[in-house]
Amino acid sequence: MSFTATALEGSKAEQYAQLIDQARGLMFGEADRTANAANLSALAYHALPDLNWVGFYFFDGKELVVGPFQGLPACVRIAIGRGVCGTAAATRQTQVVPDVEAFPGHIACDSASRSEVVVPLFKGDTLIGVFDIDSPKLNRFDDEDRKGLEALARAFLDTLA
């Protein structure tokens, strides 16, 4: 299968709607978690501006373990409740961090990261992991980004059995 991403156009909300359509098309008929996480990371990394890391951490029953991603090498394991990723998993709430330096306990995997969004991934009550997006720009993410990235995460979760 060949996939061609098209340039995103319009408002930020319209761009996320287009990105979600592309993601659904890319993941259609594929149930493998790793394959879909890898392709979704690549799609978002290349489609959205001003990002330096996009990827997944999966819960192994004890902690979050790095999964497919785009960007520089990452921290391998993150405890639940630690850093932005661990906080998102523990609270079940998306974390939008305008300045990672101001986030208590932030884990600096890439020193260039200045802002971050982490969407927790739950299937029912079961923690699957988190979807983590970093930017080298302060205040890169707003509420439209949160909504769009949560919808992108839901598209990924919809592929899981």
N, C-alpha and C. Protein backbone atom coordinates (compact mmCIF):
# COMPACT_ATOMS: atom_id res chain seq x y z
N MET A 1 0.84 -1.18 0.00
CA MET A 1 0.00 0.00 0.00
C MET A 1 0.88 1.24 0.00
N SER A 2 0.50 2.20 -0.78
CA SER A 2 1.21 3.47 -0.82
C SER A 2 0.35 4.52 -0.15
N PHE A 3 0.97 5.37 0.66
CA PHE A 3 0.24 6.43 1.35
C PHE A 3 0.91 7.75 1.04
N THR A 4 0.10 8.74 0.70
CA THR A 4 0.63 10.07 0.45
C THR A 4 -0.08 11.05 1.37
N ALA A 5 0.68 11.68 2.23
CA ALA A 5 0.11 12.71 3.10
C ALA A 5 -0.05 13.98 2.27
N THR A 6 -1.16 14.65 2.47
CA THR A 6 -1.38 15.91 1.78
C THR A 6 -1.15 17.06 2.76
N ALA A 7 -0.76 18.19 2.24
CA ALA A 7 -0.51 19.36 3.08
C ALA A 7 -1.80 19.78 3.78
N LEU A 8 -1.67 20.17 5.03
CA LEU A 8 -2.83 20.59 5.82
C LEU A 8 -3.14 22.04 5.50
N GLU A 9 -4.45 22.34 5.40
CA GLU A 9 -4.88 23.68 5.04
C GLU A 9 -6.00 24.15 5.96
N GLY A 10 -6.20 25.48 5.99
CA GLY A 10 -7.30 26.05 6.74
C GLY A 10 -6.93 26.38 8.17
N SER A 11 -7.97 26.51 9.01
CA SER A 11 -7.77 26.81 10.43
C SER A 11 -7.09 25.63 11.12
N LYS A 12 -6.64 25.88 12.33
CA LYS A 12 -5.99 24.79 13.08
C LYS A 12 -6.95 23.62 13.28
N ALA A 13 -8.21 23.91 13.59
CA ALA A 13 -9.21 22.84 13.76
C ALA A 13 -9.40 22.06 12.46
N GLU A 14 -9.44 22.77 11.33
CA GLU A 14 -9.59 22.11 10.03
C GLU A 14 -8.36 21.27 9.71
N GLN A 15 -7.19 21.77 10.06
CA GLN A 15 -5.97 21.01 9.82
C GLN A 15 -5.95 19.72 10.63
N TYR A 16 -6.37 19.80 11.90
CA TYR A 16 -6.44 18.57 12.70
C TYR A 16 -7.46 17.60 12.14
N ALA A 17 -8.59 18.09 11.65
CA ALA A 17 -9.60 17.21 11.04
C ALA A 17 -8.99 16.49 9.83
N GLN A 18 -8.23 17.22 9.01
CA GLN A 18 -7.57 16.60 7.86
C GLN A 18 -6.53 15.57 8.30
N LEU A 19 -5.77 15.91 9.35
CA LEU A 19 -4.75 15.00 9.85
C LEU A 19 -5.38 13.72 10.40
N ILE A 20 -6.50 13.86 11.09
CA ILE A 20 -7.20 12.69 11.64
C ILE A 20 -7.71 11.82 10.50
N ASP A 21 -8.24 12.44 9.43
CA ASP A 21 -8.68 11.66 8.27
C ASP A 21 -7.50 10.90 7.66
N GLN A 22 -6.35 11.57 7.54
CA GLN A 22 -5.17 10.90 7.01
C GLN A 22 -4.75 9.75 7.92
N ALA A 23 -4.78 9.97 9.23
CA ALA A 23 -4.39 8.94 10.18
C ALA A 23 -5.32 7.73 10.09
N ARG A 24 -6.63 7.98 10.03
CA ARG A 24 -7.58 6.88 9.91
C ARG A 24 -7.32 6.08 8.63
N GLY A 25 -7.04 6.78 7.53
CA GLY A 25 -6.72 6.09 6.28
C GLY A 25 -5.44 5.29 6.38
N LEU A 26 -4.45 5.85 7.03
CA LEU A 26 -3.16 5.18 7.20
C LEU A 26 -3.29 3.92 8.05
N MET A 27 -4.14 3.97 9.09
CA MET A 27 -4.26 2.84 10.02
C MET A 27 -5.40 1.89 9.66
N PHE A 28 -6.19 2.22 8.64
CA PHE A 28 -7.37 1.43 8.29
C PHE A 28 -6.98 -0.03 8.03
N GLY A 29 -7.68 -0.93 8.71
CA GLY A 29 -7.49 -2.36 8.49
C GLY A 29 -6.27 -2.94 9.19
N GLU A 30 -5.52 -2.11 9.90
CA GLU A 30 -4.33 -2.59 10.63
C GLU A 30 -4.62 -2.58 12.12
N ALA A 31 -4.45 -3.72 12.76
CA ALA A 31 -4.72 -3.82 14.20
C ALA A 31 -3.46 -3.88 15.04
N ASP A 32 -2.29 -3.91 14.40
CA ASP A 32 -1.05 -4.03 15.18
C ASP A 32 -0.72 -2.69 15.83
N ARG A 33 -0.63 -2.71 17.15
CA ARG A 33 -0.38 -1.51 17.94
C ARG A 33 0.93 -0.83 17.56
N THR A 34 1.99 -1.60 17.40
CA THR A 34 3.30 -1.03 17.09
C THR A 34 3.31 -0.40 15.70
N ALA A 35 2.74 -1.08 14.73
CA ALA A 35 2.70 -0.55 13.37
C ALA A 35 1.93 0.77 13.33
N ASN A 36 0.78 0.81 13.97
CA ASN A 36 -0.03 2.03 13.96
C ASN A 36 0.62 3.16 14.74
N ALA A 37 1.25 2.84 15.85
CA ALA A 37 1.95 3.87 16.64
C ALA A 37 3.13 4.44 15.84
N ALA A 38 3.84 3.59 15.13
CA ALA A 38 4.97 4.05 14.32
C ALA A 38 4.50 4.97 13.20
N ASN A 39 3.48 4.56 12.48
CA ASN A 39 3.00 5.38 11.38
C ASN A 39 2.35 6.67 11.86
N LEU A 40 1.61 6.60 12.96
CA LEU A 40 0.97 7.81 13.49
C LEU A 40 2.02 8.81 13.98
N SER A 41 3.07 8.32 14.62
CA SER A 41 4.16 9.20 15.07
C SER A 41 4.79 9.91 13.88
N ALA A 42 5.08 9.16 12.82
CA ALA A 42 5.71 9.75 11.63
C ALA A 42 4.78 10.75 10.97
N LEU A 43 3.51 10.40 10.85
CA LEU A 43 2.54 11.29 10.22
C LEU A 43 2.46 12.63 10.96
N ALA A 44 2.26 12.58 12.28
CA ALA A 44 2.12 13.80 13.07
C ALA A 44 3.43 14.61 13.07
N TYR A 45 4.55 13.94 13.19
CA TYR A 45 5.86 14.60 13.23
C TYR A 45 6.11 15.42 11.97
N HIS A 46 5.73 14.86 10.83
CA HIS A 46 5.99 15.53 9.56
C HIS A 46 4.88 16.50 9.15
N ALA A 47 3.68 16.34 9.69
CA ALA A 47 2.56 17.19 9.29
C ALA A 47 2.43 18.46 10.12
N LEU A 48 2.78 18.37 11.40
CA LEU A 48 2.58 19.51 12.31
C LEU A 48 3.87 20.31 12.45
N PRO A 49 3.77 21.63 12.47
CA PRO A 49 4.98 22.45 12.56
C PRO A 49 5.55 22.53 13.97
N ASP A 50 6.83 22.82 14.03
CA ASP A 50 7.53 23.13 15.28
C ASP A 50 7.48 22.01 16.31
N LEU A 51 7.73 20.78 15.87
CA LEU A 51 7.82 19.64 16.79
C LEU A 51 9.23 19.08 16.73
N ASN A 52 9.71 18.56 17.87
CA ASN A 52 11.01 17.89 17.87
C ASN A 52 10.91 16.45 18.39
N TRP A 53 9.72 16.04 18.84
CA TRP A 53 9.54 14.65 19.28
C TRP A 53 8.06 14.32 19.28
N VAL A 54 7.71 13.20 18.69
CA VAL A 54 6.33 12.69 18.70
C VAL A 54 6.43 11.19 18.88
N GLY A 55 5.73 10.66 19.89
CA GLY A 55 5.78 9.22 20.04
C GLY A 55 4.92 8.70 21.16
N PHE A 56 5.12 7.44 21.41
CA PHE A 56 4.31 6.70 22.38
C PHE A 56 5.18 6.10 23.47
N TYR A 57 4.61 6.07 24.65
CA TYR A 57 5.13 5.25 25.75
C TYR A 57 4.01 4.29 26.10
N PHE A 58 4.33 3.00 26.16
CA PHE A 58 3.33 1.99 26.48
C PHE A 58 3.52 1.48 27.91
N PHE A 59 2.41 1.25 28.58
CA PHE A 59 2.42 0.75 29.96
C PHE A 59 2.66 -0.75 29.92
N ASP A 60 3.67 -1.20 30.65
CA ASP A 60 4.01 -2.63 30.67
C ASP A 60 3.47 -3.34 31.92
N GLY A 61 2.58 -2.68 32.65
CA GLY A 61 2.05 -3.25 33.88
C GLY A 61 2.71 -2.67 35.11
N LYS A 62 3.84 -2.00 34.88
CA LYS A 62 4.60 -1.43 35.99
C LYS A 62 4.97 0.03 35.74
N GLU A 63 5.41 0.33 34.52
CA GLU A 63 5.86 1.67 34.18
C GLU A 63 5.64 1.91 32.69
N LEU A 64 5.91 3.14 32.26
CA LEU A 64 5.80 3.49 30.84
C LEU A 64 7.13 3.17 30.17
N VAL A 65 7.06 2.50 29.01
CA VAL A 65 8.25 2.11 28.27
C VAL A 65 8.16 2.72 26.87
N VAL A 66 9.25 3.33 26.42
CA VAL A 66 9.23 3.99 25.12
C VAL A 66 8.80 3.03 24.01
N GLY A 67 7.95 3.55 23.13
CA GLY A 67 7.49 2.81 21.96
C GLY A 67 7.93 3.54 20.71
N PRO A 68 7.22 3.33 19.61
CA PRO A 68 7.58 4.01 18.36
C PRO A 68 7.54 5.52 18.51
N PHE A 69 8.51 6.19 17.88
CA PHE A 69 8.57 7.65 17.96
C PHE A 69 9.37 8.21 16.80
N GLN A 70 9.29 9.53 16.65
CA GLN A 70 10.11 10.30 15.72
C GLN A 70 10.82 11.37 16.55
N GLY A 71 12.10 11.53 16.35
CA GLY A 71 12.88 12.51 17.10
C GLY A 71 14.16 11.89 17.61
N LEU A 72 14.83 12.63 18.48
CA LEU A 72 16.08 12.13 19.07
C LEU A 72 15.80 10.95 20.01
N PRO A 73 16.81 10.12 20.30
CA PRO A 73 16.62 9.03 21.25
C PRO A 73 16.00 9.55 22.55
N ALA A 74 15.18 8.69 23.15
CA ALA A 74 14.35 9.12 24.28
C ALA A 74 14.67 8.35 25.55
N CYS A 75 14.13 8.87 26.65
CA CYS A 75 14.16 8.14 27.92
C CYS A 75 13.43 6.82 27.69
N VAL A 76 13.95 5.73 28.23
CA VAL A 76 13.36 4.42 27.97
C VAL A 76 12.21 4.11 28.91
N ARG A 77 12.36 4.40 30.19
CA ARG A 77 11.33 4.05 31.18
C ARG A 77 10.95 5.26 32.01
N ILE A 78 9.65 5.42 32.25
CA ILE A 78 9.14 6.52 33.06
C ILE A 78 8.14 5.96 34.08
N ALA A 79 8.36 6.26 35.33
CA ALA A 79 7.46 5.79 36.39
C ALA A 79 6.11 6.52 36.30
N ILE A 80 5.05 5.81 36.64
CA ILE A 80 3.73 6.41 36.69
C ILE A 80 3.76 7.52 37.75
N GLY A 81 3.27 8.69 37.38
CA GLY A 81 3.27 9.82 38.30
C GLY A 81 4.50 10.71 38.21
N ARG A 82 5.50 10.30 37.41
CA ARG A 82 6.74 11.06 37.30
C ARG A 82 6.80 11.78 35.96
N GLY A 83 7.19 13.05 35.99
CA GLY A 83 7.29 13.83 34.76
C GLY A 83 5.93 14.08 34.14
N VAL A 84 5.94 14.67 32.94
CA VAL A 84 4.69 14.99 32.26
C VAL A 84 3.98 13.71 31.81
N CYS A 85 4.73 12.76 31.26
CA CYS A 85 4.12 11.51 30.80
C CYS A 85 3.52 10.71 31.95
N GLY A 86 4.28 10.55 33.01
CA GLY A 86 3.79 9.80 34.16
C GLY A 86 2.62 10.48 34.84
N THR A 87 2.59 11.82 34.83
CA THR A 87 1.47 12.57 35.40
C THR A 87 0.21 12.37 34.57
N ALA A 88 0.34 12.41 33.25
CA ALA A 88 -0.82 12.18 32.37
C ALA A 88 -1.40 10.79 32.62
N ALA A 89 -0.54 9.79 32.75
CA ALA A 89 -1.00 8.43 32.99
C ALA A 89 -1.69 8.31 34.35
N ALA A 90 -1.11 8.94 35.37
CA ALA A 90 -1.66 8.84 36.73
C ALA A 90 -2.98 9.58 36.89
N THR A 91 -3.08 10.75 36.25
CA THR A 91 -4.28 11.58 36.43
C THR A 91 -5.37 11.28 35.40
N ARG A 92 -5.02 10.55 34.35
CA ARG A 92 -5.94 10.26 33.24
C ARG A 92 -6.36 11.53 32.52
N GLN A 93 -5.55 12.58 32.62
CA GLN A 93 -5.87 13.87 31.99
C GLN A 93 -4.73 14.32 31.10
N THR A 94 -5.09 14.87 29.95
CA THR A 94 -4.09 15.42 29.04
C THR A 94 -3.35 16.55 29.75
N GLN A 95 -2.04 16.52 29.61
CA GLN A 95 -1.18 17.56 30.19
C GLN A 95 -0.70 18.47 29.06
N VAL A 96 -1.04 19.76 29.15
CA VAL A 96 -0.55 20.76 28.21
C VAL A 96 0.41 21.64 29.00
N VAL A 97 1.69 21.59 28.65
CA VAL A 97 2.72 22.27 29.42
C VAL A 97 3.36 23.35 28.54
N PRO A 98 3.04 24.63 28.80
CA PRO A 98 3.58 25.72 27.98
C PRO A 98 5.10 25.88 28.12
N ASP A 99 5.63 25.56 29.32
CA ASP A 99 7.06 25.71 29.59
C ASP A 99 7.48 24.52 30.45
N VAL A 100 8.19 23.57 29.84
CA VAL A 100 8.56 22.35 30.57
C VAL A 100 9.47 22.64 31.76
N GLU A 101 10.23 23.74 31.68
CA GLU A 101 11.11 24.10 32.79
C GLU A 101 10.32 24.42 34.06
N ALA A 102 9.07 24.84 33.88
CA ALA A 102 8.22 25.21 35.02
C ALA A 102 7.39 24.03 35.54
N PHE A 103 7.49 22.87 34.88
CA PHE A 103 6.73 21.70 35.32
C PHE A 103 7.53 20.94 36.37
N PRO A 104 7.00 20.82 37.60
CA PRO A 104 7.75 20.13 38.67
C PRO A 104 8.05 18.68 38.28
N GLY A 105 9.31 18.31 38.34
CA GLY A 105 9.70 16.93 38.05
C GLY A 105 9.80 16.61 36.58
N HIS A 106 9.81 17.62 35.71
CA HIS A 106 9.93 17.36 34.27
C HIS A 106 11.17 16.53 34.00
N ILE A 107 11.03 15.55 33.12
CA ILE A 107 12.15 14.70 32.71
C ILE A 107 12.64 15.21 31.36
N ALA A 108 13.85 15.70 31.32
CA ALA A 108 14.39 16.28 30.08
C ALA A 108 15.09 15.22 29.25
N CYS A 109 14.36 14.56 28.37
CA CYS A 109 14.98 13.59 27.46
C CYS A 109 15.72 14.31 26.34
N ASP A 110 15.11 15.37 25.80
CA ASP A 110 15.74 16.19 24.77
C ASP A 110 15.82 17.61 25.33
N SER A 111 17.02 18.10 25.53
CA SER A 111 17.20 19.42 26.15
C SER A 111 16.62 20.54 25.31
N ALA A 112 16.33 20.28 24.03
CA ALA A 112 15.75 21.31 23.16
C ALA A 112 14.25 21.49 23.39
N SER A 113 13.60 20.54 24.04
CA SER A 113 12.15 20.64 24.26
C SER A 113 11.83 21.78 25.21
N ARG A 114 10.86 22.60 24.82
CA ARG A 114 10.46 23.74 25.64
C ARG A 114 8.99 23.64 26.07
N SER A 115 8.15 22.99 25.26
CA SER A 115 6.74 22.79 25.62
C SER A 115 6.33 21.39 25.21
N GLU A 116 5.21 20.93 25.80
CA GLU A 116 4.85 19.51 25.63
C GLU A 116 3.36 19.31 25.83
N VAL A 117 2.83 18.32 25.12
CA VAL A 117 1.47 17.83 25.35
C VAL A 117 1.58 16.32 25.49
N VAL A 118 0.92 15.77 26.52
CA VAL A 118 0.87 14.32 26.70
C VAL A 118 -0.58 13.91 26.88
N VAL A 119 -1.05 13.02 25.99
CA VAL A 119 -2.41 12.52 26.03
C VAL A 119 -2.37 11.10 26.61
N PRO A 120 -3.08 10.86 27.72
CA PRO A 120 -3.12 9.50 28.26
C PRO A 120 -3.97 8.60 27.36
N LEU A 121 -3.55 7.36 27.22
CA LEU A 121 -4.26 6.39 26.38
C LEU A 121 -4.89 5.32 27.26
N PHE A 122 -6.21 5.36 27.33
CA PHE A 122 -6.95 4.37 28.10
C PHE A 122 -7.94 3.68 27.20
N LYS A 123 -8.06 2.37 27.34
CA LYS A 123 -9.11 1.59 26.67
C LYS A 123 -10.00 1.12 27.81
N GLY A 124 -11.15 1.78 27.97
CA GLY A 124 -11.97 1.54 29.16
C GLY A 124 -11.20 2.02 30.37
N ASP A 125 -11.01 1.14 31.35
CA ASP A 125 -10.24 1.49 32.55
C ASP A 125 -8.79 1.06 32.46
N THR A 126 -8.40 0.47 31.33
CA THR A 126 -7.06 -0.07 31.17
C THR A 126 -6.11 0.95 30.58
N LEU A 127 -5.02 1.23 31.30
CA LEU A 127 -3.99 2.13 30.80
C LEU A 127 -3.19 1.43 29.71
N ILE A 128 -3.19 2.03 28.51
CA ILE A 128 -2.41 1.51 27.39
C ILE A 128 -1.04 2.19 27.37
N GLY A 129 -1.05 3.50 27.64
CA GLY A 129 0.18 4.27 27.62
C GLY A 129 -0.12 5.74 27.46
N VAL A 130 0.79 6.47 26.81
CA VAL A 130 0.60 7.89 26.55
C VAL A 130 1.11 8.23 25.15
N PHE A 131 0.53 9.30 24.58
CA PHE A 131 0.96 9.86 23.31
C PHE A 131 1.63 11.19 23.67
N ASP A 132 2.90 11.33 23.36
CA ASP A 132 3.74 12.44 23.83
C ASP A 132 4.22 13.27 22.64
N ILE A 133 4.01 14.59 22.72
CA ILE A 133 4.39 15.50 21.66
C ILE A 133 5.18 16.65 22.26
N ASP A 134 6.40 16.89 21.78
CA ASP A 134 7.28 17.94 22.29
C ASP A 134 7.57 18.97 21.20
N SER A 135 7.84 20.21 21.64
CA SER A 135 8.22 21.28 20.74
C SER A 135 9.41 22.04 21.30
N PRO A 136 10.28 22.54 20.41
CA PRO A 136 11.37 23.38 20.86
C PRO A 136 10.93 24.83 21.12
N LYS A 137 9.64 25.13 20.91
CA LYS A 137 9.12 26.48 21.12
C LYS A 137 8.31 26.55 22.42
N LEU A 138 8.50 27.60 23.18
CA LEU A 138 7.67 27.85 24.35
C LEU A 138 6.23 28.11 23.90
N ASN A 139 5.28 27.70 24.70
CA ASN A 139 3.86 27.97 24.43
C ASN A 139 3.41 27.51 23.05
N ARG A 140 3.96 26.41 22.55
CA ARG A 140 3.63 25.93 21.20
C ARG A 140 2.19 25.41 21.13
N PHE A 141 1.67 24.88 22.23
CA PHE A 141 0.39 24.17 22.19
C PHE A 141 -0.71 24.95 22.89
N ASP A 142 -1.88 24.97 22.27
CA ASP A 142 -3.04 25.62 22.87
C ASP A 142 -4.19 24.61 22.97
N ASP A 143 -5.38 25.10 23.30
CA ASP A 143 -6.51 24.20 23.49
C ASP A 143 -6.93 23.50 22.19
N GLU A 144 -6.75 24.18 21.05
CA GLU A 144 -7.05 23.53 19.76
C GLU A 144 -6.11 22.35 19.53
N ASP A 145 -4.83 22.53 19.90
CA ASP A 145 -3.88 21.42 19.79
C ASP A 145 -4.29 20.28 20.71
N ARG A 146 -4.68 20.61 21.94
CA ARG A 146 -5.11 19.56 22.87
C ARG A 146 -6.25 18.76 22.28
N LYS A 147 -7.27 19.45 21.79
CA LYS A 147 -8.44 18.76 21.21
C LYS A 147 -8.03 17.91 20.01
N GLY A 148 -7.21 18.49 19.14
CA GLY A 148 -6.78 17.75 17.95
C GLY A 148 -5.94 16.53 18.27
N LEU A 149 -5.02 16.68 19.22
CA LEU A 149 -4.15 15.56 19.59
C LEU A 149 -4.93 14.49 20.36
N GLU A 150 -5.91 14.89 21.15
CA GLU A 150 -6.78 13.91 21.81
C GLU A 150 -7.58 13.13 20.77
N ALA A 151 -8.07 13.81 19.75
CA ALA A 151 -8.82 13.12 18.68
C ALA A 151 -7.90 12.18 17.90
N LEU A 152 -6.66 12.59 17.66
CA LEU A 152 -5.69 11.73 16.99
C LEU A 152 -5.41 10.49 17.84
N ALA A 153 -5.29 10.68 19.15
CA ALA A 153 -5.07 9.55 20.07
C ALA A 153 -6.28 8.60 20.06
N ARG A 154 -7.50 9.17 20.00
CA ARG A 154 -8.70 8.33 19.92
C ARG A 154 -8.71 7.50 18.65
N ALA A 155 -8.26 8.09 17.53
CA ALA A 155 -8.17 7.34 16.27
C ALA A 155 -7.23 6.16 16.43
N PHE A 156 -6.12 6.37 17.13
CA PHE A 156 -5.20 5.26 17.41
C PHE A 156 -5.87 4.21 18.30
N LEU A 157 -6.52 4.65 19.37
CA LEU A 157 -7.17 3.71 20.30
C LEU A 157 -8.25 2.90 19.60
N ASP A 158 -8.92 3.50 18.61
CA ASP A 158 -9.98 2.80 17.87
C ASP A 158 -9.43 1.60 17.10
N THR A 159 -8.12 1.58 16.82
CA THR A 159 -7.53 0.46 16.07
C THR A 159 -7.20 -0.72 16.97
N LEU A 160 -7.23 -0.51 18.29
CA LEU A 160 -6.88 -1.59 19.22
C LEU A 160 -8.09 -2.48 19.48
N ALA A 161 -7.85 -3.77 19.55
CA ALA A 161 -8.94 -4.73 19.79
C ALA A 161 -9.48 -4.58 21.20
